[in-house]
N, C-alpha and C. Protein backbone atom coordinates (compact mmCIF):
# COMPACT_ATOMS: atom_id res chain seq x y z
N MET A 1 -9.81 -63.51 -96.71
CA MET A 1 -8.26 -63.53 -96.62
C MET A 1 -7.76 -64.81 -96.42
N SER A 2 -6.66 -65.00 -96.93
CA SER A 2 -6.00 -66.30 -96.95
C SER A 2 -5.51 -66.77 -95.80
N PRO A 3 -5.31 -68.16 -95.45
CA PRO A 3 -4.77 -68.47 -94.33
C PRO A 3 -3.29 -68.15 -94.17
N ALA A 4 -2.49 -68.15 -95.43
CA ALA A 4 -1.21 -67.56 -95.02
C ALA A 4 -1.17 -66.25 -94.63
N SER A 5 -1.93 -65.25 -94.95
CA SER A 5 -1.82 -64.08 -94.64
C SER A 5 -2.31 -63.92 -93.17
N ARG A 6 -3.24 -64.77 -92.82
CA ARG A 6 -3.66 -64.61 -91.23
C ARG A 6 -2.62 -65.09 -90.46
N GLU A 7 -1.54 -65.71 -90.81
CA GLU A 7 -0.73 -66.37 -89.86
C GLU A 7 0.75 -65.62 -90.30
N LEU A 8 0.90 -64.52 -90.75
CA LEU A 8 1.94 -63.70 -90.91
C LEU A 8 2.68 -63.45 -89.59
N SER A 9 4.03 -63.60 -89.51
CA SER A 9 4.65 -63.26 -88.21
C SER A 9 4.70 -61.57 -88.29
N PRO A 10 4.98 -61.12 -87.18
CA PRO A 10 5.08 -59.67 -87.28
C PRO A 10 6.44 -59.09 -87.97
N ARG A 11 7.42 -59.82 -88.09
CA ARG A 11 8.55 -59.57 -89.08
C ARG A 11 8.24 -59.64 -90.55
N ARG A 12 7.42 -60.63 -90.78
CA ARG A 12 7.08 -60.86 -92.26
C ARG A 12 5.99 -59.52 -92.62
N ARG A 13 5.16 -59.32 -91.74
CA ARG A 13 4.28 -58.23 -92.00
C ARG A 13 4.98 -57.01 -92.11
N GLN A 14 6.00 -56.68 -91.07
CA GLN A 14 6.84 -55.58 -91.11
C GLN A 14 7.50 -55.41 -92.57
N ILE A 15 8.03 -56.32 -93.03
CA ILE A 15 8.75 -56.26 -94.41
C ILE A 15 7.77 -56.18 -95.47
N LEU A 16 6.31 -56.75 -95.46
CA LEU A 16 5.52 -56.49 -96.42
C LEU A 16 4.95 -55.13 -96.42
N GLU A 17 4.69 -54.71 -95.15
CA GLU A 17 4.30 -53.15 -95.38
C GLU A 17 5.43 -52.34 -95.86
N ALA A 18 6.57 -52.54 -95.60
CA ALA A 18 7.70 -51.66 -96.01
C ALA A 18 7.77 -51.86 -97.43
N ALA A 19 7.56 -53.20 -98.00
CA ALA A 19 7.62 -53.34 -99.46
C ALA A 19 6.46 -52.67 -100.20
N THR A 20 5.07 -52.60 -99.64
CA THR A 20 4.03 -51.63 -100.07
C THR A 20 4.40 -50.24 -100.29
N THR A 21 5.27 -49.76 -99.36
CA THR A 21 5.61 -48.30 -99.33
C THR A 21 6.64 -48.16 -100.49
N VAL A 22 7.62 -48.99 -100.54
CA VAL A 22 8.57 -48.95 -101.54
C VAL A 22 8.07 -49.18 -103.11
N LEU A 23 6.98 -49.86 -103.07
CA LEU A 23 6.50 -50.33 -104.47
C LEU A 23 5.71 -48.97 -104.78
N SER A 24 5.04 -48.44 -103.95
CA SER A 24 4.06 -47.19 -104.18
C SER A 24 4.88 -46.00 -104.50
N GLN A 25 6.35 -45.90 -103.91
CA GLN A 25 7.04 -44.70 -104.02
C GLN A 25 7.93 -44.89 -105.38
N GLN A 26 8.34 -46.12 -105.52
CA GLN A 26 9.47 -46.14 -106.68
C GLN A 26 9.34 -47.32 -107.72
N GLY A 27 7.83 -47.77 -107.59
CA GLY A 27 7.52 -48.57 -108.83
C GLY A 27 8.22 -50.03 -108.53
N ILE A 28 7.56 -50.76 -109.74
CA ILE A 28 8.03 -52.33 -109.57
C ILE A 28 9.46 -52.42 -109.79
N ARG A 29 10.16 -51.62 -110.52
CA ARG A 29 11.66 -51.69 -110.80
C ARG A 29 12.49 -51.23 -109.50
N GLY A 30 11.91 -50.60 -108.47
CA GLY A 30 12.65 -50.04 -107.37
C GLY A 30 12.47 -51.03 -106.32
N LEU A 31 11.47 -52.09 -106.42
CA LEU A 31 11.44 -53.03 -105.55
C LEU A 31 12.29 -54.01 -105.22
N THR A 32 13.25 -53.80 -104.48
CA THR A 32 14.56 -54.69 -104.36
C THR A 32 14.54 -54.87 -102.75
N HIS A 33 15.17 -56.01 -102.59
CA HIS A 33 15.37 -56.51 -101.00
C HIS A 33 16.09 -55.39 -100.31
N ARG A 34 17.01 -54.74 -100.87
CA ARG A 34 17.81 -53.72 -100.27
C ARG A 34 16.93 -52.48 -99.93
N ALA A 35 16.09 -51.97 -100.77
CA ALA A 35 15.12 -50.90 -100.74
C ALA A 35 14.24 -51.15 -99.57
N VAL A 36 13.79 -52.45 -99.45
CA VAL A 36 12.66 -52.98 -98.35
C VAL A 36 13.36 -52.91 -97.09
N ASP A 37 14.62 -53.33 -96.90
CA ASP A 37 15.39 -53.53 -95.68
C ASP A 37 15.56 -51.98 -95.26
N ARG A 38 15.83 -51.13 -96.11
CA ARG A 38 16.13 -49.59 -95.70
C ARG A 38 14.79 -49.07 -95.31
N GLU A 39 13.63 -49.18 -95.97
CA GLU A 39 12.47 -48.68 -95.68
C GLU A 39 11.99 -49.10 -94.30
N ALA A 40 12.34 -50.51 -93.89
CA ALA A 40 11.77 -51.27 -92.72
C ALA A 40 12.68 -50.91 -91.60
N GLY A 41 13.80 -50.26 -91.86
CA GLY A 41 14.66 -50.01 -90.82
C GLY A 41 15.43 -51.34 -90.41
N LEU A 42 15.63 -52.28 -91.14
CA LEU A 42 16.32 -53.60 -90.91
C LEU A 42 17.56 -53.59 -91.52
N ALA A 43 18.40 -54.65 -91.06
CA ALA A 43 19.83 -54.77 -91.35
C ALA A 43 19.66 -55.37 -92.85
N GLU A 44 20.70 -55.07 -93.83
CA GLU A 44 20.64 -55.40 -95.04
C GLU A 44 20.77 -56.90 -95.12
N GLY A 45 19.77 -57.44 -95.80
CA GLY A 45 19.70 -59.05 -96.06
C GLY A 45 18.57 -59.57 -95.05
N SER A 46 17.89 -58.82 -94.44
CA SER A 46 16.72 -59.44 -93.52
C SER A 46 15.78 -59.82 -94.38
N SER A 47 15.32 -59.12 -95.37
CA SER A 47 13.92 -59.53 -96.08
C SER A 47 14.31 -60.63 -96.99
N SER A 48 15.54 -60.75 -97.45
CA SER A 48 15.92 -61.95 -98.23
C SER A 48 15.99 -63.13 -97.51
N ALA A 49 16.10 -63.00 -96.06
CA ALA A 49 16.11 -64.37 -95.31
C ALA A 49 14.55 -64.89 -95.32
N TYR A 50 13.66 -64.06 -95.63
CA TYR A 50 12.19 -64.45 -95.55
C TYR A 50 11.59 -64.62 -96.84
N PHE A 51 12.08 -63.98 -97.79
CA PHE A 51 11.66 -63.97 -99.14
C PHE A 51 12.90 -64.16 -99.90
N ARG A 52 13.36 -65.28 -100.35
CA ARG A 52 14.55 -65.58 -100.82
C ARG A 52 14.90 -64.73 -102.19
N THR A 53 13.87 -64.74 -103.14
CA THR A 53 14.03 -64.29 -104.48
C THR A 53 13.28 -62.95 -104.61
N ARG A 54 13.56 -62.23 -105.71
CA ARG A 54 12.60 -61.18 -105.75
C ARG A 54 11.07 -61.60 -106.21
N ASP A 55 11.14 -62.46 -106.90
CA ASP A 55 9.87 -63.13 -107.51
C ASP A 55 8.88 -63.63 -106.12
N ALA A 56 9.69 -64.21 -105.26
CA ALA A 56 9.09 -64.62 -104.04
C ALA A 56 8.55 -63.28 -103.25
N LEU A 57 9.45 -62.30 -103.31
CA LEU A 57 8.94 -61.06 -102.65
C LEU A 57 7.60 -60.22 -103.37
N VAL A 58 7.59 -60.28 -104.45
CA VAL A 58 6.75 -59.72 -105.39
C VAL A 58 5.34 -60.67 -105.22
N SER A 59 5.57 -62.01 -105.10
CA SER A 59 4.18 -62.68 -104.97
C SER A 59 3.63 -62.55 -103.54
N ALA A 60 4.44 -62.62 -102.63
CA ALA A 60 4.07 -62.33 -101.22
C ALA A 60 3.36 -61.05 -101.01
N LEU A 61 4.11 -59.99 -101.72
CA LEU A 61 3.24 -58.75 -101.84
C LEU A 61 2.19 -58.65 -102.32
N GLY A 62 1.85 -59.40 -103.58
CA GLY A 62 0.67 -59.50 -104.16
C GLY A 62 -0.57 -60.08 -103.46
N GLU A 63 -0.10 -60.96 -102.66
CA GLU A 63 -0.95 -61.70 -101.75
C GLU A 63 -1.41 -60.80 -100.55
N PHE A 64 -0.33 -60.05 -100.03
CA PHE A 64 -0.52 -59.16 -98.83
C PHE A 64 -1.60 -58.06 -99.25
N VAL A 65 -1.21 -57.39 -100.49
CA VAL A 65 -2.12 -56.29 -100.77
C VAL A 65 -3.48 -56.79 -101.38
N ALA A 66 -3.52 -57.88 -102.15
CA ALA A 66 -4.95 -58.60 -102.37
C ALA A 66 -5.92 -58.92 -101.08
N ASP A 67 -5.05 -59.28 -100.09
CA ASP A 67 -5.87 -59.85 -98.76
C ASP A 67 -6.19 -58.43 -98.09
N ARG A 68 -5.58 -57.64 -97.98
CA ARG A 68 -5.95 -56.22 -97.22
C ARG A 68 -7.16 -55.68 -98.13
N LEU A 69 -7.09 -55.70 -99.27
CA LEU A 69 -8.36 -55.05 -100.39
C LEU A 69 -9.60 -56.12 -100.01
N GLY A 70 -9.19 -57.44 -100.08
CA GLY A 70 -10.29 -58.39 -99.79
C GLY A 70 -10.97 -58.23 -98.59
N ALA A 71 -10.15 -57.96 -97.47
CA ALA A 71 -10.64 -57.87 -96.09
C ALA A 71 -11.71 -56.57 -95.94
N ASP A 72 -11.55 -55.57 -96.89
CA ASP A 72 -12.24 -54.57 -96.79
C ASP A 72 -13.43 -54.84 -97.59
N VAL A 73 -13.43 -55.63 -98.74
CA VAL A 73 -14.66 -55.81 -99.53
C VAL A 73 -15.39 -57.01 -98.60
N GLU A 74 -14.79 -57.76 -97.93
CA GLU A 74 -15.57 -58.73 -97.09
C GLU A 74 -16.45 -57.97 -95.97
N ALA A 75 -15.89 -56.91 -95.34
CA ALA A 75 -16.48 -56.05 -94.41
C ALA A 75 -17.59 -55.35 -95.12
N LEU A 76 -17.50 -54.83 -96.29
CA LEU A 76 -18.67 -54.11 -97.13
C LEU A 76 -19.76 -55.15 -97.24
N GLY A 77 -19.25 -56.31 -97.65
CA GLY A 77 -20.52 -57.20 -97.82
C GLY A 77 -21.46 -57.52 -96.27
N GLY A 78 -20.72 -57.55 -95.18
CA GLY A 78 -21.38 -57.53 -93.79
C GLY A 78 -22.28 -56.44 -93.90
N ARG A 79 -21.86 -55.24 -94.19
CA ARG A 79 -22.39 -54.10 -93.85
C ARG A 79 -23.82 -54.00 -95.02
N LEU A 80 -23.43 -54.37 -96.10
CA LEU A 80 -24.73 -54.41 -97.06
C LEU A 80 -25.62 -55.48 -96.77
N ALA A 81 -25.20 -56.55 -96.38
CA ALA A 81 -26.15 -57.52 -95.91
C ALA A 81 -27.17 -57.08 -94.81
N SER A 82 -26.75 -56.17 -93.93
CA SER A 82 -27.47 -55.71 -92.83
C SER A 82 -28.52 -54.60 -93.21
N CYS A 83 -28.58 -54.19 -94.54
CA CYS A 83 -29.31 -53.25 -95.18
C CYS A 83 -30.12 -53.53 -96.32
N PRO A 84 -30.64 -54.78 -96.59
CA PRO A 84 -31.14 -55.29 -97.91
C PRO A 84 -32.22 -54.27 -98.30
N GLY A 85 -32.05 -53.73 -99.77
CA GLY A 85 -33.19 -52.97 -100.19
C GLY A 85 -33.15 -51.39 -100.13
N ASP A 86 -32.09 -51.26 -99.15
CA ASP A 86 -32.02 -49.84 -98.58
C ASP A 86 -30.79 -49.09 -99.51
N HIS A 87 -31.13 -48.70 -100.80
CA HIS A 87 -30.18 -48.24 -101.80
C HIS A 87 -29.37 -47.04 -101.28
N GLU A 88 -29.96 -46.05 -100.54
CA GLU A 88 -29.30 -44.99 -100.08
C GLU A 88 -28.22 -45.47 -99.23
N ARG A 89 -28.54 -46.39 -98.20
CA ARG A 89 -27.39 -46.86 -97.26
C ARG A 89 -26.50 -47.61 -98.08
N ALA A 90 -26.89 -48.34 -99.16
CA ALA A 90 -25.80 -49.19 -99.81
C ALA A 90 -24.65 -48.14 -100.58
N VAL A 91 -25.31 -47.12 -101.27
CA VAL A 91 -24.42 -46.16 -101.84
C VAL A 91 -23.58 -45.67 -100.63
N ALA A 92 -24.08 -45.35 -99.74
CA ALA A 92 -23.21 -44.66 -98.57
C ALA A 92 -22.02 -45.65 -98.05
N GLU A 93 -22.31 -46.89 -97.98
CA GLU A 93 -21.35 -47.91 -97.74
C GLU A 93 -20.41 -47.98 -98.57
N VAL A 94 -20.74 -48.12 -100.00
CA VAL A 94 -19.74 -48.24 -101.16
C VAL A 94 -18.78 -46.84 -100.99
N SER A 95 -19.32 -45.83 -100.90
CA SER A 95 -18.76 -44.63 -100.95
C SER A 95 -17.67 -44.66 -99.65
N ARG A 96 -18.20 -45.02 -98.58
CA ARG A 96 -17.24 -45.23 -97.45
C ARG A 96 -16.00 -45.90 -97.76
N LEU A 97 -16.36 -47.23 -98.27
CA LEU A 97 -15.29 -48.16 -98.54
C LEU A 97 -14.16 -47.42 -99.47
N PHE A 98 -14.57 -46.64 -100.34
CA PHE A 98 -13.58 -46.01 -101.43
C PHE A 98 -12.83 -44.84 -100.61
N SER A 99 -13.52 -44.09 -99.75
CA SER A 99 -12.83 -43.17 -98.73
C SER A 99 -11.84 -43.72 -98.01
N ARG A 100 -12.18 -45.21 -97.56
CA ARG A 100 -11.20 -45.68 -96.58
C ARG A 100 -9.98 -46.12 -97.51
N TRP A 101 -10.00 -46.55 -98.77
CA TRP A 101 -8.92 -46.61 -99.60
C TRP A 101 -8.23 -45.57 -99.88
N LEU A 102 -9.02 -44.50 -99.91
CA LEU A 102 -8.34 -43.11 -100.28
C LEU A 102 -7.37 -42.67 -99.25
N ASP A 103 -7.72 -43.07 -98.03
CA ASP A 103 -6.63 -42.87 -96.88
C ASP A 103 -5.59 -43.76 -96.69
N GLN A 104 -5.44 -44.62 -97.64
CA GLN A 104 -4.31 -45.41 -97.93
C GLN A 104 -3.59 -45.40 -99.33
N PRO A 105 -2.92 -44.11 -99.38
CA PRO A 105 -2.42 -43.88 -100.83
C PRO A 105 -1.23 -44.87 -101.35
N ASP A 106 -0.66 -45.35 -100.24
CA ASP A 106 0.42 -46.26 -100.51
C ASP A 106 -0.19 -47.77 -101.07
N LEU A 107 -1.19 -48.17 -100.60
CA LEU A 107 -1.83 -49.26 -100.76
C LEU A 107 -2.48 -49.28 -102.28
N LEU A 108 -3.04 -48.08 -102.33
CA LEU A 108 -3.59 -47.79 -103.92
C LEU A 108 -2.49 -47.86 -104.77
N ALA A 109 -1.57 -47.08 -104.72
CA ALA A 109 -0.34 -47.11 -105.57
C ALA A 109 0.31 -48.31 -105.89
N ALA A 110 0.50 -49.19 -104.74
CA ALA A 110 1.11 -50.49 -104.81
C ALA A 110 0.00 -51.39 -105.65
N ARG A 111 -1.17 -51.29 -105.42
CA ARG A 111 -2.23 -52.06 -106.27
C ARG A 111 -2.04 -51.79 -107.59
N LEU A 112 -1.93 -50.56 -108.02
CA LEU A 112 -1.75 -50.00 -109.50
C LEU A 112 -0.68 -50.75 -109.93
N GLU A 113 0.65 -50.74 -109.30
CA GLU A 113 1.65 -51.21 -109.86
C GLU A 113 1.52 -52.68 -110.02
N LEU A 114 0.92 -53.41 -109.03
CA LEU A 114 0.79 -54.97 -109.16
C LEU A 114 -0.38 -55.34 -110.20
N THR A 115 -1.20 -54.42 -110.42
CA THR A 115 -2.27 -54.66 -111.52
C THR A 115 -1.49 -54.81 -112.61
N VAL A 116 -0.73 -53.94 -112.99
CA VAL A 116 0.20 -53.79 -114.27
C VAL A 116 0.95 -55.18 -114.27
N ALA A 117 1.48 -55.49 -113.19
CA ALA A 117 2.47 -56.63 -113.21
C ALA A 117 1.80 -57.75 -113.35
N ALA A 118 0.36 -57.89 -112.93
CA ALA A 118 -0.49 -58.94 -113.07
C ALA A 118 -0.94 -59.33 -114.68
N THR A 119 -0.61 -58.19 -115.36
CA THR A 119 -0.94 -58.60 -116.98
C THR A 119 0.05 -59.58 -117.54
N ARG A 120 1.38 -59.67 -116.77
CA ARG A 120 2.19 -60.76 -117.39
C ARG A 120 2.48 -61.75 -116.27
N ASP A 121 1.63 -61.69 -115.34
CA ASP A 121 1.98 -62.92 -114.18
C ASP A 121 0.45 -63.41 -113.89
N PRO A 122 0.28 -64.80 -114.31
CA PRO A 122 -0.99 -65.46 -114.13
C PRO A 122 -1.47 -65.81 -112.69
N GLY A 123 -0.32 -65.78 -111.87
CA GLY A 123 -0.59 -65.90 -110.38
C GLY A 123 -1.13 -64.88 -109.67
N LEU A 124 -0.62 -63.71 -110.01
CA LEU A 124 -0.96 -62.34 -109.49
C LEU A 124 -2.34 -61.94 -110.01
N ALA A 125 -2.53 -62.25 -111.33
CA ALA A 125 -3.87 -61.84 -111.86
C ALA A 125 -4.87 -62.72 -111.15
N GLU A 126 -4.67 -63.97 -110.96
CA GLU A 126 -5.76 -64.88 -110.28
C GLU A 126 -5.96 -64.39 -108.94
N ARG A 127 -5.09 -63.97 -108.14
CA ARG A 127 -5.31 -63.57 -106.72
C ARG A 127 -6.12 -62.20 -106.66
N PHE A 128 -5.61 -61.19 -107.57
CA PHE A 128 -6.38 -59.83 -107.63
C PHE A 128 -7.84 -60.02 -108.31
N THR A 129 -8.13 -61.08 -108.94
CA THR A 129 -9.38 -61.30 -109.45
C THR A 129 -10.59 -61.78 -108.48
N LEU A 130 -9.89 -62.51 -107.41
CA LEU A 130 -10.80 -63.00 -106.33
C LEU A 130 -11.51 -62.11 -105.49
N TRP A 131 -10.77 -60.90 -105.00
CA TRP A 131 -11.39 -59.94 -104.23
C TRP A 131 -12.33 -58.89 -105.38
N ARG A 132 -11.75 -58.75 -106.32
CA ARG A 132 -12.60 -57.87 -107.36
C ARG A 132 -13.92 -58.67 -107.71
N ASP A 133 -13.88 -60.13 -108.03
CA ASP A 133 -15.04 -60.66 -108.27
C ASP A 133 -16.28 -60.33 -107.36
N ASP A 134 -15.61 -60.48 -105.85
CA ASP A 134 -16.63 -60.12 -104.61
C ASP A 134 -17.21 -58.86 -104.63
N LEU A 135 -16.21 -57.84 -104.96
CA LEU A 135 -16.63 -56.61 -105.15
C LEU A 135 -17.66 -56.26 -106.18
N VAL A 136 -17.47 -57.04 -107.40
CA VAL A 136 -18.48 -56.87 -108.60
C VAL A 136 -19.86 -57.65 -108.05
N ARG A 137 -19.59 -58.86 -107.46
CA ARG A 137 -20.94 -59.35 -107.00
C ARG A 137 -21.79 -58.75 -106.14
N MET A 138 -21.12 -57.72 -105.11
CA MET A 138 -21.83 -57.07 -104.07
C MET A 138 -22.53 -55.81 -104.85
N VAL A 139 -21.55 -55.09 -105.82
CA VAL A 139 -22.49 -54.11 -106.61
C VAL A 139 -23.50 -54.67 -107.45
N ARG A 140 -23.34 -55.84 -108.10
CA ARG A 140 -24.62 -56.48 -108.68
C ARG A 140 -26.00 -56.59 -107.70
N GLU A 141 -25.49 -56.96 -106.64
CA GLU A 141 -26.66 -57.03 -105.50
C GLU A 141 -27.34 -55.88 -105.39
N VAL A 142 -26.56 -54.71 -105.08
CA VAL A 142 -27.08 -53.32 -105.04
C VAL A 142 -27.98 -53.09 -106.14
N LEU A 143 -27.66 -53.38 -107.59
CA LEU A 143 -28.19 -53.14 -108.65
C LEU A 143 -29.41 -53.59 -108.66
N ASP A 144 -29.47 -54.92 -108.46
CA ASP A 144 -30.76 -55.81 -108.39
C ASP A 144 -31.56 -55.36 -107.29
N ALA A 145 -31.20 -54.99 -106.10
CA ALA A 145 -32.08 -54.34 -104.92
C ALA A 145 -32.62 -53.06 -105.40
N ALA A 146 -32.10 -52.32 -106.43
CA ALA A 146 -32.58 -51.18 -106.72
C ALA A 146 -33.55 -51.21 -107.97
N GLY A 147 -33.79 -52.41 -108.35
CA GLY A 147 -34.85 -52.66 -109.38
C GLY A 147 -34.18 -52.74 -110.82
N LYS A 148 -32.98 -52.94 -110.72
CA LYS A 148 -32.24 -52.96 -112.17
C LYS A 148 -32.30 -54.33 -112.60
N GLN A 149 -32.02 -54.64 -114.01
CA GLN A 149 -31.95 -55.91 -114.51
C GLN A 149 -31.21 -56.89 -113.85
N GLY A 150 -31.32 -57.99 -113.79
CA GLY A 150 -30.38 -59.06 -113.22
C GLY A 150 -29.83 -59.76 -114.52
N GLY A 151 -29.34 -60.84 -114.23
CA GLY A 151 -28.82 -61.95 -115.24
C GLY A 151 -27.47 -61.21 -116.00
N ASN A 152 -27.30 -61.44 -117.23
CA ASN A 152 -26.11 -60.97 -117.90
C ASN A 152 -25.85 -59.50 -117.80
N GLU A 153 -27.18 -58.85 -118.18
CA GLU A 153 -27.04 -57.43 -118.33
C GLU A 153 -26.76 -56.86 -116.87
N GLY A 154 -27.29 -57.36 -115.88
CA GLY A 154 -27.00 -56.69 -114.51
C GLY A 154 -25.51 -57.20 -114.20
N GLY A 155 -25.04 -58.30 -114.46
CA GLY A 155 -23.44 -58.41 -114.29
C GLY A 155 -22.73 -57.56 -115.08
N ALA A 156 -22.94 -57.51 -116.47
CA ALA A 156 -22.17 -56.33 -117.11
C ALA A 156 -22.25 -55.18 -116.56
N SER A 157 -23.44 -54.70 -116.04
CA SER A 157 -23.55 -53.12 -115.54
C SER A 157 -22.46 -53.21 -114.04
N ALA A 158 -22.64 -54.17 -113.47
CA ALA A 158 -21.85 -54.10 -112.25
C ALA A 158 -20.44 -54.27 -112.48
N GLU A 159 -20.03 -55.02 -113.56
CA GLU A 159 -18.65 -54.87 -113.96
C GLU A 159 -18.20 -53.59 -114.45
N THR A 160 -18.89 -52.92 -115.36
CA THR A 160 -18.63 -51.66 -115.79
C THR A 160 -18.45 -50.54 -114.46
N LEU A 161 -19.66 -50.69 -113.70
CA LEU A 161 -19.43 -49.75 -112.73
C LEU A 161 -18.19 -49.86 -111.77
N VAL A 162 -17.90 -51.02 -111.42
CA VAL A 162 -16.77 -51.25 -110.64
C VAL A 162 -15.38 -50.65 -111.30
N ALA A 163 -15.35 -51.05 -112.80
CA ALA A 163 -14.37 -50.60 -113.48
C ALA A 163 -14.26 -49.06 -113.43
N ALA A 164 -15.54 -48.22 -113.48
CA ALA A 164 -15.43 -46.80 -113.47
C ALA A 164 -14.95 -46.57 -112.10
N LEU A 165 -15.45 -47.05 -111.05
CA LEU A 165 -15.20 -46.72 -109.56
C LEU A 165 -13.56 -46.75 -109.32
N GLU A 166 -13.14 -47.85 -109.98
CA GLU A 166 -11.70 -48.11 -109.69
C GLU A 166 -10.89 -46.95 -110.55
N GLY A 167 -11.49 -46.59 -111.57
CA GLY A 167 -10.75 -45.62 -112.25
C GLY A 167 -10.79 -44.22 -111.61
N VAL A 168 -11.96 -43.80 -111.10
CA VAL A 168 -12.16 -42.72 -110.23
C VAL A 168 -11.06 -42.72 -109.14
N LEU A 169 -10.78 -43.96 -108.46
CA LEU A 169 -9.99 -43.82 -107.39
C LEU A 169 -8.43 -43.86 -107.69
N LEU A 170 -8.09 -44.57 -108.64
CA LEU A 170 -6.58 -44.36 -109.19
C LEU A 170 -6.47 -42.88 -109.82
N ALA A 171 -7.39 -42.61 -110.49
CA ALA A 171 -7.13 -41.15 -110.97
C ALA A 171 -6.98 -40.10 -110.02
N SER A 172 -7.57 -40.35 -108.78
CA SER A 172 -7.26 -39.48 -107.67
C SER A 172 -5.83 -39.20 -107.19
N LEU A 173 -5.12 -40.41 -107.56
CA LEU A 173 -3.69 -40.24 -107.20
C LEU A 173 -2.80 -39.32 -108.05
N MET A 174 -3.53 -38.83 -109.13
CA MET A 174 -2.86 -37.73 -110.01
C MET A 174 -3.05 -36.27 -109.64
N LEU A 175 -3.99 -36.34 -108.62
CA LEU A 175 -4.34 -35.11 -108.02
C LEU A 175 -3.60 -34.61 -106.77
N PRO A 176 -3.70 -33.36 -106.50
CA PRO A 176 -2.96 -32.81 -105.28
C PRO A 176 -3.82 -33.64 -104.16
N SER A 177 -3.10 -33.95 -102.84
CA SER A 177 -3.84 -34.65 -101.85
C SER A 177 -5.05 -33.86 -101.45
N ARG A 178 -5.05 -32.43 -101.54
CA ARG A 178 -6.04 -31.77 -101.02
C ARG A 178 -7.32 -31.69 -101.64
N ARG A 179 -7.15 -32.20 -102.95
CA ARG A 179 -8.29 -32.40 -103.75
C ARG A 179 -8.80 -33.91 -103.87
N ARG A 180 -8.27 -34.68 -103.45
CA ARG A 180 -8.58 -36.13 -103.73
C ARG A 180 -9.98 -36.60 -103.27
N ARG A 181 -10.24 -36.20 -101.84
CA ARG A 181 -11.42 -36.47 -101.34
C ARG A 181 -12.52 -36.16 -101.82
N THR A 182 -12.35 -34.79 -102.15
CA THR A 182 -13.84 -34.14 -102.74
C THR A 182 -13.89 -34.82 -104.20
N PHE A 183 -12.93 -34.98 -105.01
CA PHE A 183 -13.05 -35.53 -106.31
C PHE A 183 -13.68 -36.93 -106.24
N VAL A 184 -13.07 -37.96 -105.32
CA VAL A 184 -13.45 -39.28 -105.10
C VAL A 184 -15.14 -39.24 -104.76
N ALA A 185 -15.45 -38.42 -103.66
CA ALA A 185 -16.80 -38.23 -103.11
C ALA A 185 -17.66 -37.85 -104.16
N GLU A 186 -17.51 -36.85 -104.80
CA GLU A 186 -18.42 -36.32 -105.89
C GLU A 186 -18.46 -37.39 -106.99
N SER A 187 -17.31 -37.89 -107.48
CA SER A 187 -17.43 -38.73 -108.48
C SER A 187 -18.17 -40.02 -108.19
N VAL A 188 -18.06 -40.74 -107.05
CA VAL A 188 -18.74 -41.97 -106.57
C VAL A 188 -20.22 -41.57 -106.55
N GLU A 189 -20.54 -40.43 -105.86
CA GLU A 189 -22.02 -39.98 -105.78
C GLU A 189 -22.60 -39.68 -107.25
N GLN A 190 -21.90 -39.25 -107.96
CA GLN A 190 -22.41 -39.09 -109.42
C GLN A 190 -22.63 -40.52 -109.92
N LEU A 191 -21.74 -41.46 -110.01
CA LEU A 191 -21.89 -42.67 -110.41
C LEU A 191 -22.96 -43.39 -109.87
N LEU A 192 -23.11 -43.57 -108.59
CA LEU A 192 -24.01 -44.40 -108.00
C LEU A 192 -25.49 -43.84 -107.90
N THR A 193 -25.54 -42.43 -107.93
CA THR A 193 -26.99 -41.78 -107.82
C THR A 193 -27.86 -42.25 -108.64
N GLY A 194 -27.40 -42.50 -109.92
CA GLY A 194 -28.25 -42.86 -111.11
C GLY A 194 -28.63 -44.28 -111.18
N LEU A 195 -28.26 -44.98 -109.95
CA LEU A 195 -28.68 -46.32 -109.85
C LEU A 195 -29.46 -46.67 -108.83
N GLY A 196 -30.35 -45.64 -108.39
CA GLY A 196 -31.41 -45.73 -107.41
C GLY A 196 -32.73 -46.29 -108.22
N PRO A 197 -33.67 -46.71 -107.26
CA PRO A 197 -34.80 -47.43 -107.83
C PRO A 197 -35.21 -46.69 -109.05
N ASN A 198 -35.90 -47.76 -109.72
CA ASN A 198 -36.58 -47.08 -111.12
C ASN A 198 -37.88 -46.58 -110.81
N PRO A 199 -38.29 -45.66 -111.39
CA PRO A 199 -39.52 -44.94 -111.23
C PRO A 199 -40.83 -46.15 -111.34
N PRO A 200 -41.75 -45.95 -110.66
CA PRO A 200 -42.71 -46.84 -111.02
C PRO A 200 -43.28 -47.37 -112.25
N ASN A 201 -43.32 -46.25 -113.04
CA ASN A 201 -43.85 -46.33 -114.54
C ASN A 201 -42.79 -46.63 -115.46
N SER A 202 -41.44 -46.91 -115.08
CA SER A 202 -40.28 -47.03 -116.03
C SER A 202 -40.59 -48.50 -116.51
């Protein structure tokens, strides 16, 4: 988590949490200072006093969302470090992380909107790459601990797996809320089960 995010004032945090909701519900075009003020229950002009321009608001929101995701990935790293070589536990921990994100649909939808925006904004792209690289690294370690190939092949496998897991998570947003958890749990298990330790004679 960046120092700037650690030092967010309560009012800035309130504004960025409201902006996350607005972005998730109205998309990037609907993210305006007025909409954020209304969502936060603040007087009109409040958010622009902290984030003078729309670009400043989008940039701060990108940092805020990326830091929330990054904090979860950092916590996952700590849990994985406590169970080296235990593939079943590692699979359970990764699955738990995705379930946690599923409980935050506004965060997921905002992340999707910001990911698209990042294709045109190098600053956003760089910030989102940081936490995603950490997640790929941890998945690569799970692959290596399971006896899979390391090096470039292991890296490519981890990158592909993370992309597949992200696709599952984002696809769940298209489903009725009652089906999301089952869909994500079954999909994550299917993707990760095949990554168990190789048979002795393989």
